[in-house]
C-alpha atoms as a PDB file:
ATOM      1  CA  MET A   1     195.777  75.927 -33.750  1.00  0.00           C
ATOM      2  CA  LYS A   2     198.843  76.587 -31.544  1.00  0.00           C
ATOM      3  CA  LYS A   3     199.374  80.097 -30.287  1.00  0.00           C
ATOM      4  CA  ALA A   4     202.887  80.307 -31.672  1.00  0.00           C
ATOM      5  CA  GLU A   5     201.622  79.422 -35.121  1.00  0.00           C
ATOM      6  CA  PHE A   6     198.752  81.890 -34.792  1.00  0.00           C
ATOM      7  CA  TRP A   7     201.094  84.833 -34.415  1.00  0.00           C
ATOM      8  CA  LYS A   8     203.322  83.868 -37.366  1.00  0.00           C
ATOM      9  CA  GLY A   9     202.819  85.527 -40.728  1.00  0.00           C
ATOM     10  CA  PHE A  10     199.541  87.353 -40.876  1.00  0.00           C
ATOM     11  CA  GLY A  11     198.988  87.423 -37.134  1.00  0.00           C
ATOM     12  CA  ALA A  12     202.297  89.084 -36.241  1.00  0.00           C
ATOM     13  CA  GLY A  13     202.085  91.757 -38.908  1.00  0.00           C
ATOM     14  CA  PHE A  14     198.450  92.410 -38.237  1.00  0.00           C
ATOM     15  CA  ALA A  15     198.984  92.843 -34.491  1.00  0.00           C
ATOM     16  CA  ALA A  16     201.696  95.422 -35.056  1.00  0.00           C
ATOM     17  CA  LEU A  17     199.468  97.224 -37.502  1.00  0.00           C
ATOM     18  CA  LEU A  18     196.623  97.294 -34.992  1.00  0.00           C
ATOM     19  CA  LEU A  19     198.836  98.935 -32.398  1.00  0.00           C
ATOM     20  CA  ILE A  20     199.815 101.622 -34.856  1.00  0.00           C
ATOM     21  CA  MET A  21     196.204 102.302 -35.698  1.00  0.00           C
ATOM     22  CA  CYS A  22     195.192 102.525 -32.062  1.00  0.00           C
ATOM     23  CA  LEU A  23     197.845 105.121 -31.330  1.00  0.00           C
ATOM     24  CA  CYS A  24     197.600 107.064 -34.584  1.00  0.00           C
ATOM     25  CA  ALA A  25     194.814 109.332 -33.324  1.00  0.00           C
ATOM     26  CA  THR A  26     197.018 110.449 -30.432  1.00  0.00           C
ATOM     27  CA  ALA A  27     199.979 110.975 -32.735  1.00  0.00           C
ATOM     28  CA  PHE A  28     197.906 113.102 -35.104  1.00  0.00           C
ATOM     29  CA  ALA A  29     196.548 115.183 -32.216  1.00  0.00           C
ATOM     30  CA  ALA A  30     200.024 115.775 -30.785  1.00  0.00           C
ATOM     31  CA  SER A  31     201.666 116.794 -34.056  1.00  0.00           C
ATOM     32  CA  ARG A  32     198.597 118.414 -35.680  1.00  0.00           C
ATOM     33  CA  ARG A  33     199.310 116.732 -39.016  1.00  0.00           C
ATOM     34  CA  THR A  34     196.804 116.449 -41.825  1.00  0.00           C
ATOM     35  CA  ILE A  35     197.072 113.394 -44.052  1.00  0.00           C
ATOM     36  CA  ASP A  36     195.321 112.158 -47.173  1.00  0.00           C
ATOM     37  CA  VAL A  37     193.918 108.654 -46.893  1.00  0.00           C
ATOM     38  CA  GLU A  38     192.095 106.286 -49.240  1.00  0.00           C
ATOM     39  CA  ASP A  39     188.676 105.257 -47.859  1.00  0.00           C
ATOM     40  CA  GLY A  40     186.238 102.579 -48.979  1.00  0.00           C
ATOM     41  CA  VAL A  41     188.323  99.576 -47.920  1.00  0.00           C
ATOM     42  CA  GLY A  42     186.304  96.464 -46.982  1.00  0.00           C
ATOM     43  CA  LEU A  43     187.243  93.803 -44.453  1.00  0.00           C
ATOM     44  CA  SER A  44     186.363  90.109 -43.996  1.00  0.00           C
ATOM     45  CA  ILE A  45     187.240  87.541 -41.322  1.00  0.00           C
ATOM     46  CA  ASN A  46     187.212  83.875 -42.329  1.00  0.00           C
ATOM     47  CA  GLY A  47     185.280  84.774 -45.463  1.00  0.00           C
ATOM     48  CA  ALA A  48     182.529  86.699 -43.616  1.00  0.00           C
ATOM     49  CA  VAL A  49     182.178  90.454 -44.117  1.00  0.00           C
ATOM     50  CA  PHE A  50     183.162  92.262 -40.915  1.00  0.00           C
ATOM     51  CA  ILE A  51     182.173  95.833 -40.115  1.00  0.00           C
ATOM     52  CA  PRO A  52     184.306  97.250 -37.271  1.00  0.00           C
ATOM     53  CA  ARG A  53     182.450  99.381 -34.739  1.00  0.00           C
ATOM     54  CA  ASP A  54     183.417 101.396 -31.666  1.00  0.00           C
ATOM     55  CA  VAL A  55     182.026 100.862 -28.152  1.00  0.00           C
ATOM     56  CA  THR A  56     178.934 102.938 -29.004  1.00  0.00           C
ATOM     57  CA  GLY A  57     178.151 100.767 -32.048  1.00  0.00           C
ATOM     58  CA  ARG A  58     179.194 103.389 -34.586  1.00  0.00           C
ATOM     59  CA  GLN A  59     180.985 102.102 -37.691  1.00  0.00           C
ATOM     60  CA  VAL A  60     184.733 102.833 -37.775  1.00  0.00           C
ATOM     61  CA  PRO A  61     186.371 103.232 -41.216  1.00  0.00           C
ATOM     62  CA  VAL A  62     189.189 101.111 -42.598  1.00  0.00           C
ATOM     63  CA  PHE A  63     191.567 103.108 -44.797  1.00  0.00           C
ATOM     64  CA  LEU A  64     194.851 103.066 -46.709  1.00  0.00           C
ATOM     65  CA  TYR A  65     197.722 105.459 -46.058  1.00  0.00           C
ATOM     66  CA  SER A  66     201.081 105.289 -47.825  1.00  0.00           C
ATOM     67  CA  GLY A  67     200.442 101.705 -48.898  1.00  0.00           C
ATOM     68  CA  THR A  68     199.503 100.479 -45.402  1.00  0.00           C
ATOM     69  CA  THR A  69     196.017  99.426 -44.265  1.00  0.00           C
ATOM     70  CA  TYR A  70     194.820 100.851 -40.925  1.00  0.00           C
ATOM     71  CA  VAL A  71     192.068  99.266 -38.851  1.00  0.00           C
ATOM     72  CA  PRO A  72     190.673  99.887 -35.308  1.00  0.00           C
ATOM     73  CA  VAL A  73     192.547  97.811 -32.760  1.00  0.00           C
ATOM     74  CA  ARG A  74     189.690  97.008 -30.382  1.00  0.00           C
ATOM     75  CA  ALA A  75     187.125  95.856 -32.946  1.00  0.00           C
ATOM     76  CA  ILE A  76     189.554  93.624 -34.828  1.00  0.00           C
ATOM     77  CA  SER A  77     191.294  92.214 -31.768  1.00  0.00           C
ATOM     78  CA  GLU A  78     188.028  91.250 -30.073  1.00  0.00           C
ATOM     79  CA  ALA A  79     186.859  89.612 -33.300  1.00  0.00           C
ATOM     80  CA  LEU A  80     190.057  87.541 -33.206  1.00  0.00           C
ATOM     81  CA  GLY A  81     189.455  86.551 -29.591  1.00  0.00           C
ATOM     82  CA  LEU A  82     191.930  88.908 -27.921  1.00  0.00           C
ATOM     83  CA  ASP A  83     191.381  90.909 -24.741  1.00  0.00           C
ATOM     84  CA  VAL A  84     192.092  94.624 -25.327  1.00  0.00           C
ATOM     85  CA  ARG A  85     193.011  97.164 -22.672  1.00  0.00           C
ATOM     86  CA  PHE A  86     194.730 100.561 -22.627  1.00  0.00           C
ATOM     87  CA  ASP A  87     197.345 101.344 -19.980  1.00  0.00           C
ATOM     88  CA  SER A  88     196.923 105.125 -19.760  1.00  0.00           C
ATOM     89  CA  ALA A  89     199.884 105.575 -17.390  1.00  0.00           C
ATOM     90  CA  ASN A  90     202.330 104.075 -19.893  1.00  0.00           C
ATOM     91  CA  ARG A  91     200.266 104.916 -23.008  1.00  0.00           C
ATOM     92  CA  MET A  92     200.341 101.273 -24.022  1.00  0.00           C
ATOM     93  CA  VAL A  93     197.742  99.138 -25.772  1.00  0.00           C
ATOM     94  CA  GLN A  94     197.674  95.692 -24.159  1.00  0.00           C
ATOM     95  CA  LEU A  95     196.520  92.683 -26.214  1.00  0.00           C
ATOM     96  CA  THR A  96     196.169  89.363 -24.391  1.00  0.00           C
ATOM     97  CA  THR A  97     195.124  85.967 -25.714  1.00  0.00           C
ATOM     98  CA  GLN A  98     192.288  84.414 -23.748  1.00  0.00           C
ATOM     99  CA  ASP A  99     194.302  81.388 -22.637  1.00  0.00           C
ATOM    100  CA  ARG A 100     196.506  83.736 -20.589  1.00  0.00           C
ATOM    101  CA  LEU A 101     193.811  85.947 -19.106  1.00  0.00           C
ATOM    102  CA  LEU A 102     193.119  83.806 -16.073  1.00  0.00           C
ATOM    103  CA  THR A 103     196.792  83.552 -15.098  1.00  0.00           C
ATOM    104  CA  GLN A 104     197.948  87.059 -15.982  1.00  0.00           C
ATOM    105  CA  GLY A 105     194.803  89.130 -15.565  1.00  0.00           C
ATOM    106  CA  GLY A 106     194.243  92.545 -17.106  1.00  0.00           C
ATOM    107  CA  ALA A 107     195.267  96.094 -16.317  1.00  0.00           C
ATOM    108  CA  SER A 108     193.241  96.017 -13.085  1.00  0.00           C
ATOM    109  CA  GLY A 109     194.954  92.904 -11.726  1.00  0.00           C
ATOM    110  CA  SER A 110     194.416  89.155 -11.725  1.00  0.00           C
ATOM    111  CA  TYR A 111     191.022  87.631 -12.420  1.00  0.00           C
ATOM    112  CA  ILE A 112     189.182  86.453  -9.340  1.00  0.00           C
ATOM    113  CA  SER A 113     188.577  82.729  -8.947  1.00  0.00           C
ATOM    114  CA  ALA A 114     185.251  80.969  -9.320  1.00  0.00           C
ATOM    115  CA  GLU A 115     185.294  80.335  -5.561  1.00  0.00           C
ATOM    116  CA  ARG A 116     185.714  84.061  -4.912  1.00  0.00           C
ATOM    117  CA  ALA A 117     182.789  84.829  -7.232  1.00  0.00           C
ATOM    118  CA  LYS A 118     180.644  82.389  -5.218  1.00  0.00           C
ATOM    119  CA  GLU A 119     181.706  84.055  -1.951  1.00  0.00           C
ATOM    120  CA  ILE A 120     180.725  87.488  -3.287  1.00  0.00           C
ATOM    121  CA  ALA A 121     177.302  86.275  -4.396  1.00  0.00           C
ATOM    122  CA  LEU A 122     176.630  84.481  -1.104  1.00  0.00           C
ATOM    123  CA  ALA A 123     177.692  87.505   0.949  1.00  0.00           C
ATOM    124  CA  ASP A 124     175.338  89.750  -1.017  1.00  0.00           C
ATOM    125  CA  ALA A 125     172.491  87.253  -0.575  1.00  0.00           C
ATOM    126  CA  GLY A 126     173.246  86.969   3.149  1.00  0.00           C
ATOM    127  CA  LEU A 127     173.761  83.215   2.938  1.00  0.00           C
ATOM    128  CA  LYS A 128     176.321  80.683   4.109  1.00  0.00           C
ATOM    129  CA  GLU A 129     177.766  78.218   1.608  1.00  0.00           C
ATOM    130  CA  GLY A 130     176.139  75.253   3.328  1.00  0.00           C
ATOM    131  CA  ALA A 131     172.703  76.769   2.766  1.00  0.00           C
ATOM    132  CA  ALA A 132     173.069  77.076  -1.026  1.00  0.00           C
ATOM    133  CA  ILE A 133     172.959  74.662  -3.943  1.00  0.00           C
ATOM    134  CA  PHE A 134     175.015  75.970  -6.890  1.00  0.00           C
ATOM    135  CA  LEU A 135     173.806  75.130 -10.386  1.00  0.00           C
ATOM    136  CA  LYS A 136     176.198  77.305 -12.379  1.00  0.00           C
ATOM    137  CA  VAL A 137     179.483  79.159 -11.853  1.00  0.00           C
ATOM    138  CA  LYS A 138     180.794  80.032 -15.303  1.00  0.00           C
ATOM    139  CA  LEU A 139     183.293  82.536 -16.687  1.00  0.00           C
ATOM    140  CA  GLU A 140     181.837  84.237 -19.775  1.00  0.00           C
ATOM    141  CA  LEU A 141     182.627  87.089 -22.143  1.00  0.00           C
ATOM    142  CA  ASP A 142     179.791  89.626 -22.372  1.00  0.00           C
ATOM    143  CA  ASP A 143     180.036  92.944 -24.256  1.00  0.00           C
ATOM    144  CA  GLY A 144     183.831  92.789 -24.200  1.00  0.00           C
ATOM    145  CA  ARG A 145     184.021  92.171 -20.443  1.00  0.00           C
ATOM    146  CA  TYR A 146     184.751  88.923 -18.611  1.00  0.00           C
ATOM    147  CA  GLN A 147     182.252  88.074 -15.903  1.00  0.00           C
ATOM    148  CA  TYR A 148     181.095  85.165 -13.786  1.00  0.00           C
ATOM    149  CA  ASP A 149     177.531  83.937 -14.170  1.00  0.00           C
ATOM    150  CA  VAL A 150     176.605  82.495 -10.768  1.00  0.00           C
ATOM    151  CA  GLU A 151     173.315  80.677 -10.168  1.00  0.00           C
ATOM    152  CA  PHE A 152     172.208  78.943  -6.973  1.00  0.00           C
ATOM    153  CA  TYR A 153     169.204  78.137  -4.784  1.00  0.00           C
ATOM    154  CA  SER A 154     168.489  78.302  -1.088  1.00  0.00           C
ATOM    155  CA  GLY A 155     165.198  77.188   0.377  1.00  0.00           C
ATOM    156  CA  SER A 156     162.515  78.289  -2.061  1.00  0.00           C
ATOM    157  CA  VAL A 157     164.529  81.156  -3.591  1.00  0.00           C
ATOM    158  CA  GLY A 158     166.609  81.104  -6.783  1.00  0.00           C
ATOM    159  CA  TYR A 159     169.505  83.573  -7.211  1.00  0.00           C
ATOM    160  CA  ASP A 160     171.234  84.666 -10.432  1.00  0.00           C
ATOM    161  CA  TYR A 161     174.331  86.913 -10.292  1.00  0.00           C
ATOM    162  CA  GLU A 162     176.666  88.465 -12.862  1.00  0.00           C
ATOM    163  CA  ILE A 163     180.008  89.446 -11.308  1.00  0.00           C
ATOM    164  CA  ASP A 164     182.911  91.309 -12.925  1.00  0.00           C
ATOM    165  CA  ALA A 165     185.780  88.798 -13.228  1.00  0.00           C
ATOM    166  CA  ILE A 166     188.486  91.390 -12.441  1.00  0.00           C
ATOM    167  CA  THR A 167     186.983  93.752  -9.878  1.00  0.00           C
ATOM    168  CA  GLY A 168     184.495  91.392  -8.242  1.00  0.00           C
ATOM    169  CA  LYS A 169     181.798  94.043  -8.650  1.00  0.00           C
ATOM    170  CA  ILE A 170     178.227  92.733  -8.845  1.00  0.00           C
ATOM    171  CA  LEU A 171     176.922  93.727 -12.277  1.00  0.00           C
ATOM    172  CA  SER A 172     173.413  92.324 -11.915  1.00  0.00           C
ATOM    173  CA  MET A 173     171.374  90.266  -9.478  1.00  0.00           C
ATOM    174  CA  ASP A 174     168.055  88.480  -9.904  1.00  0.00           C
ATOM    175  CA  GLN A 175     166.103  86.787  -7.125  1.00  0.00           C
ATOM    176  CA  GLU A 176     163.072  84.585  -7.731  1.00  0.00           C
ATOM    177  CA  LEU A 177     160.697  82.939  -5.270  1.00  0.00           C
ATOM    178  CA  ASP A 178     159.512  79.440  -6.211  1.00  0.00           C
ATOM    179  CA  ASP A 179     157.085  77.042  -4.584  1.00  0.00           C
ATOM    180  CA  PHE A 180     159.571  74.288  -3.808  1.00  0.00           C
ATOM    181  CA  ILE A 181     162.352  73.338  -1.433  1.00  0.00           C
ATOM    182  CA  VAL A 182     165.696  72.868  -3.129  1.00  0.00           C
ATOM    183  CA  PRO A 183     167.475  69.592  -2.282  1.00  0.00           C
ATOM    184  CA  GLY A 184     170.420  70.160   0.019  1.00  0.00           C
ATOM    185  CA  SER A 185     169.051  73.304   1.645  1.00  0.00           C
ATOM    186  CA  PRO A 186     168.498  73.151   5.417  1.00  0.00           C
ATOM    187  CA  SER A 187     164.825  72.176   5.019  1.00  0.00           C
ATOM    188  CA  GLY A 188     165.281  69.921   1.998  1.00  0.00           C
ATOM    189  CA  SER A 189     166.316  66.306   1.493  1.00  0.00           C
ATOM    190  CA  GLY A 190     169.234  65.084  -0.602  1.00  0.00           C
ATOM    191  CA  THR A 191     169.010  64.281  -4.276  1.00  0.00           C
ATOM    192  CA  ILE A 192     169.777  61.003  -5.953  1.00  0.00           C
ATOM    193  CA  SER A 193     173.061  60.868  -7.862  1.00  0.00           C
ATOM    194  CA  ALA A 194     173.414  61.296 -11.614  1.00  0.00           C
ATOM    195  CA  ASP A 195     174.519  57.650 -11.867  1.00  0.00           C
ATOM    196  CA  ARG A 196     171.350  56.561 -10.079  1.00  0.00           C
ATOM    197  CA  ALA A 197     169.225  58.611 -12.489  1.00  0.00           C
ATOM    198  CA  LYS A 198     170.935  56.849 -15.400  1.00  0.00           C
ATOM    199  CA  GLU A 199     170.289  53.449 -13.838  1.00  0.00           C
ATOM    200  CA  ILE A 200     166.579  54.267 -13.457  1.00  0.00           C
ATOM    201  CA  ALA A 201     166.301  55.350 -17.098  1.00  0.00           C
ATOM    202  CA  LEU A 202     168.146  52.276 -18.375  1.00  0.00           C
ATOM    203  CA  ALA A 203     165.992  49.920 -16.319  1.00  0.00           C
ATOM    204  CA  ASP A 204     162.806  51.476 -17.664  1.00  0.00           C
ATOM    205  CA  ALA A 205     164.098  51.317 -21.242  1.00  0.00           C
ATOM    206  CA  GLY A 206     165.269  47.732 -20.862  1.00  0.00           C
ATOM    207  CA  VAL A 207     168.734  48.712 -22.077  1.00  0.00           C
ATOM    208  CA  SER A 208     172.026  47.566 -20.557  1.00  0.00           C
ATOM    209  CA  ALA A 209     174.652  50.129 -19.600  1.00  0.00           C
ATOM    210  CA  GLY A 210     177.115  48.629 -22.078  1.00  0.00           C
ATOM    211  CA  SER A 211     174.843  49.182 -25.074  1.00  0.00           C
ATOM    212  CA  ALA A 212     173.893  52.785 -24.262  1.00  0.00           C
ATOM    213  CA  VAL A 213     175.679  55.999 -25.185  1.00  0.00           C
ATOM    214  CA  PHE A 214     174.683  58.894 -22.930  1.00  0.00           C
ATOM    215  CA  THR A 215     174.608  62.370 -24.456  1.00  0.00           C
ATOM    216  CA  LYS A 216     173.085  64.262 -21.526  1.00  0.00           C
ATOM    217  CA  THR A 217     172.675  63.778 -17.767  1.00  0.00           C
ATOM    218  CA  LYS A 218     171.832  67.139 -16.235  1.00  0.00           C
ATOM    219  CA  LEU A 219     170.347  68.296 -12.930  1.00  0.00           C
ATOM    220  CA  ASP A 220     167.885  71.081 -13.664  1.00  0.00           C
ATOM    221  CA  ARG A 221     164.781  72.844 -12.388  1.00  0.00           C
ATOM    222  CA  ASP A 222     161.438  72.200 -14.082  1.00  0.00           C
ATOM    223  CA  ASP A 223     158.027  73.468 -12.920  1.00  0.00           C
ATOM    224  CA  GLY A 224     159.203  74.110  -9.382  1.00  0.00           C
ATOM    225  CA  ARG A 225     161.056  70.837  -8.802  1.00  0.00           C
ATOM    226  CA  MET A 226     164.569  69.504  -9.281  1.00  0.00           C
ATOM    227  CA  VAL A 227     164.814  66.911 -12.057  1.00  0.00           C
ATOM    228  CA  TYR A 228     167.443  64.976 -13.964  1.00  0.00           C
ATOM    229  CA  GLU A 229     167.276  65.245 -17.747  1.00  0.00           C
ATOM    230  CA  VAL A 230     168.730  62.020 -19.111  1.00  0.00           C
ATOM    231  CA  GLU A 231     169.277  61.384 -22.826  1.00  0.00           C
ATOM    232  CA  PHE A 232     170.984  58.407 -24.480  1.00  0.00           C
ATOM    233  CA  TYR A 233     171.077  56.222 -27.601  1.00  0.00           C
ATOM    234  CA  SER A 234     171.008  52.479 -28.084  1.00  0.00           C
ATOM    235  CA  GLY A 235     170.999  50.926 -31.540  1.00  0.00           C
ATOM    236  CA  THR A 236     168.708  53.073 -33.673  1.00  0.00           C
ATOM    237  CA  THR A 237     166.627  54.376 -30.772  1.00  0.00           C
ATOM    238  CA  GLU A 238     166.974  57.658 -28.894  1.00  0.00           C
ATOM    239  CA  TYR A 239     165.685  57.914 -25.302  1.00  0.00           C
ATOM    240  CA  GLU A 240     164.835  61.022 -23.290  1.00  0.00           C
ATOM    241  CA  TYR A 241     163.853  60.918 -19.602  1.00  0.00           C
ATOM    242  CA  LYS A 242     162.938  63.375 -16.895  1.00  0.00           C
ATOM    243  CA  ILE A 243     163.435  61.901 -13.425  1.00  0.00           C
ATOM    244  CA  ASP A 244     162.524  63.472 -10.069  1.00  0.00           C
ATOM    245  CA  ALA A 245     165.859  64.277  -8.417  1.00  0.00           C
ATOM    246  CA  ILE A 246     164.571  63.511  -4.913  1.00  0.00           C
ATOM    247  CA  THR A 247     162.275  60.507  -5.310  1.00  0.00           C
ATOM    248  CA  GLY A 248     163.738  58.945  -8.475  1.00  0.00           C
ATOM    249  CA  LYS A 249     160.252  58.828 -10.009  1.00  0.00           C
ATOM    250  CA  ILE A 250     160.110  58.948 -13.819  1.00  0.00           C
ATOM    251  CA  LEU A 251     158.210  62.097 -14.758  1.00  0.00           C
ATOM    252  CA  SER A 252     158.338  61.643 -18.530  1.00  0.00           C
ATOM    253  CA  ALA A 253     159.868  59.220 -21.033  1.00  0.00           C
ATOM    254  CA  GLU A 254     160.202  59.505 -24.803  1.00  0.00           C
ATOM    255  CA  ARG A 255     161.820  57.303 -27.421  1.00  0.00           C
ATOM    256  CA  ASP A 256     162.406  57.915 -31.095  1.00  0.00           C
ATOM    257  CA  THR A 257     163.589  55.351 -33.640  1.00  0.00           C
ATOM    258  CA  ASN A 258     165.775  56.752 -36.417  1.00  0.00           C
ATOM    259  CA  GLY A 259     166.852  55.283 -39.729  1.00  0.00           C
ATOM    260  CA  SER A 260     170.512  54.845 -38.872  1.00  0.00           C
ATOM    261  CA  ALA A 261     172.393  53.369 -35.972  1.00  0.00           C
ATOM    262  CA  ALA A 262     173.095  55.589 -32.991  1.00  0.00           C
ATOM    263  CA  PRO A 263     176.541  55.925 -31.456  1.00  0.00           C
ATOM    264  CA  GLY A 264     177.513  52.648 -29.873  1.00  0.00           C
ATOM    265  CA  GLY A 265     174.747  50.686 -31.663  1.00  0.00           C
ATOM    266  CA  SER A 266     175.544  47.300 -33.094  1.00  0.00           C
ATOM    267  CA  THR A 267     175.406  48.507 -36.710  1.00  0.00           C
ATOM    268  CA  GLY A 268     176.644  52.045 -36.189  1.00  0.00           C
ATOM    269  CA  ALA A 269     180.057  53.321 -37.176  1.00  0.00           C
ATOM    270  CA  GLY A 270     182.267  54.927 -34.557  1.00  0.00           C
ATOM    271  CA  THR A 271     181.794  58.597 -33.894  1.00  0.00           C
ATOM    272  CA  ILE A 272     184.384  61.292 -33.449  1.00  0.00           C
ATOM    273  CA  SER A 273     184.741  62.702 -29.942  1.00  0.00           C
ATOM    274  CA  ALA A 274     183.255  65.979 -28.759  1.00  0.00           C
ATOM    275  CA  ASP A 275     186.792  67.375 -28.416  1.00  0.00           C
ATOM    276  CA  ARG A 276     187.505  66.466 -32.035  1.00  0.00           C
ATOM    277  CA  ALA A 277     184.313  68.230 -33.152  1.00  0.00           C
ATOM    278  CA  LYS A 278     185.474  71.339 -31.295  1.00  0.00           C
ATOM    279  CA  GLU A 279     188.893  71.155 -32.978  1.00  0.00           C
ATOM    280  CA  ILE A 280     187.269  70.937 -36.419  1.00  0.00           C
ATOM    281  CA  ALA A 281     185.057  73.954 -35.751  1.00  0.00           C
ATOM    282  CA  LEU A 282     187.942  76.033 -34.340  1.00  0.00           C
ATOM    283  CA  ALA A 283     190.197  75.197 -37.287  1.00  0.00           C
ATOM    284  CA  ASP A 284     187.513  76.221 -39.771  1.00  0.00           C
ATOM    285  CA  ALA A 285     186.857  79.465 -37.875  1.00  0.00           C
ATOM    286  CA  GLY A 286     190.561  80.233 -37.571  1.00  0.00           C
ATOM    287  CA  VAL A 287     190.175  80.650 -33.797  1.00  0.00           C
ATOM    288  CA  SER A 288     192.582  79.294 -31.179  1.00  0.00           C
ATOM    289  CA  ALA A 289     191.249  77.085 -28.394  1.00  0.00           C
ATOM    290  CA  GLY A 290     192.257  79.710 -25.848  1.00  0.00           C
ATOM    291  CA  GLY A 291     190.363  82.371 -27.771  1.00  0.00           C
ATOM    292  CA  ALA A 292     186.989  80.594 -27.719  1.00  0.00           C
ATOM    293  CA  VAL A 293     184.222  80.384 -25.131  1.00  0.00           C
ATOM    294  CA  PHE A 294     182.084  77.307 -25.855  1.00  0.00           C
ATOM    295  CA  THR A 295     178.379  77.470 -25.024  1.00  0.00           C
ATOM    296  CA  LYS A 296     177.265  74.192 -26.598  1.00  0.00           C
ATOM    297  CA  VAL A 297     178.854  70.929 -27.774  1.00  0.00           C
ATOM    298  CA  LYS A 298     176.081  68.368 -28.163  1.00  0.00           C
ATOM    299  CA  LEU A 299     175.728  65.059 -29.979  1.00  0.00           C
ATOM    300  CA  ASP A 300     172.299  65.013 -31.639  1.00  0.00           C
ATOM    301  CA  TRP A 301     170.210  63.562 -34.444  1.00  0.00           C
ATOM    302  CA  ASP A 302     169.355  65.594 -37.546  1.00  0.00           C
ATOM    303  CA  ASP A 303     167.500  64.134 -40.534  1.00  0.00           C
ATOM    304  CA  GLY A 304     168.462  60.607 -39.510  1.00  0.00           C
ATOM    305  CA  ARG A 305     172.176  61.244 -39.065  1.00  0.00           C
ATOM    306  CA  LYS A 306     174.367  61.869 -36.048  1.00  0.00           C
ATOM    307  CA  VAL A 307     175.747  65.388 -35.772  1.00  0.00           C
ATOM    308  CA  TYR A 308     177.597  67.517 -33.272  1.00  0.00           C
ATOM    309  CA  LYS A 309     176.095  70.928 -32.661  1.00  0.00           C
ATOM    310  CA  VAL A 310     178.950  73.216 -31.684  1.00  0.00           C
ATOM    311  CA  GLU A 311     178.446  76.822 -30.597  1.00  0.00           C
ATOM    312  CA  PHE A 312     181.037  79.260 -29.254  1.00  0.00           C
ATOM    313  CA  TYR A 313     182.069  82.898 -29.043  1.00  0.00           C
ATOM    314  CA  ALA A 314     185.378  84.548 -29.883  1.00  0.00           C
ATOM    315  CA  GLY A 315     185.622  88.242 -29.262  1.00  0.00           C
ATOM    316  CA  SER A 316     182.584  89.899 -30.807  1.00  0.00           C
ATOM    317  CA  MET A 317     181.822  87.017 -33.178  1.00  0.00           C
ATOM    318  CA  GLU A 318     179.413  84.125 -32.636  1.00  0.00           C
ATOM    319  CA  TYR A 319     179.892  80.756 -34.357  1.00  0.00           C
ATOM    320  CA  GLU A 320     177.455  77.862 -34.833  1.00  0.00           C
ATOM    321  CA  TYR A 321     178.451  74.591 -36.520  1.00  0.00           C
ATOM    322  CA  GLU A 322     176.840  71.278 -37.387  1.00  0.00           C
ATOM    323  CA  ILE A 323     179.483  68.582 -37.874  1.00  0.00           C
ATOM    324  CA  SER A 324     178.972  64.985 -38.966  1.00  0.00           C
ATOM    325  CA  ALA A 325     179.658  62.771 -35.951  1.00  0.00           C
ATOM    326  CA  GLU A 326     180.844  59.950 -38.217  1.00  0.00           C
ATOM    327  CA  THR A 327     182.998  61.689 -40.828  1.00  0.00           C
ATOM    328  CA  GLY A 328     183.896  64.984 -39.146  1.00  0.00           C
ATOM    329  CA  SER A 329     182.744  66.932 -42.210  1.00  0.00           C
ATOM    330  CA  ILE A 330     181.137  70.331 -41.657  1.00  0.00           C
ATOM    331  CA  ILE A 331     177.444  70.188 -42.562  1.00  0.00           C
ATOM    332  CA  SER A 332     176.617  73.832 -41.860  1.00  0.00           C
ATOM    333  CA  ARG A 333     178.158  76.931 -40.339  1.00  0.00           C
ATOM    334  CA  ASP A 334     176.755  80.281 -39.234  1.00  0.00           C
ATOM    335  CA  ILE A 335     178.976  83.209 -38.265  1.00  0.00           C
ATOM    336  CA  GLU A 336     177.613  86.525 -37.104  1.00  0.00           C
ATOM    337  CA  ARG A 337     178.547  89.507 -34.989  1.00  0.00           C
ATOM    338  CA  ARG A 338     177.200  89.579 -31.452  1.00  0.00           C
ATOM    339  CA  ASN A 339     174.932  92.487 -30.610  1.00  0.00           C
END
């Protein structure tokens, strides 16, 4: 859904209404007016009942006054995927769509870059960049605040940081000692490439690269060692491998034959793309692409059929979809408020 279209009609009127509601408490306090309102008004978003709450978790009422419905700006805006801030100097509520956050920043200034988040984590750990192997540097929305989740290893120690995306403040830090040497650290050897891991899996399966559709090739840590998790389909068979990331040794191999052709199989129909599955889920949820933070988009098997499992957040709402990989039809959806 395009941003311009999002703000037409309902969106534009609703945003203005939210601003009024946010400021009404101040207006009442300044003028000392007493008004009669009509309580007991319910609210739903995309067909799901929504109960607005304040930052402490307390329910905030929705009410009617003089024919206009008033709702709390923060709760509703975050549910719609908007960033909400209050400029106390100018007494202005600031609503920003998520696609503009990284370029415009919030009231405290521009968002720091992923590279800056890595520098902050390394400095706190007392490490140089060449001594660390990064597994994750991801911008996420957590409890209404944007933060970087930074994970890396050095030697036999794993580090996990959460860093405020505006201020650069370290919100949490976890350090874990493991009984292994991480590839790429000063005392470790290099890992094989992801392409090499795929070649090893294909050779063991007896499958050519042209007849395989890969759904996962991920470098991960398992039982104190670095491994590649490799998953792919060929015909009606699904393959899953774990391969030692240093030696290339196959640690485990599984195959499962299903009742219908897998993506790319000789009898299988073409599948929609992962991007198309995301578009379908966003359209159904009524969420713009810029307002969503995706945590999972995976092609999988379910009861003998190919499905995309799509999970994302928008504001304070969490969405989970299963979408047919062949037809694009929505098989199931689950929408709930994040705790």
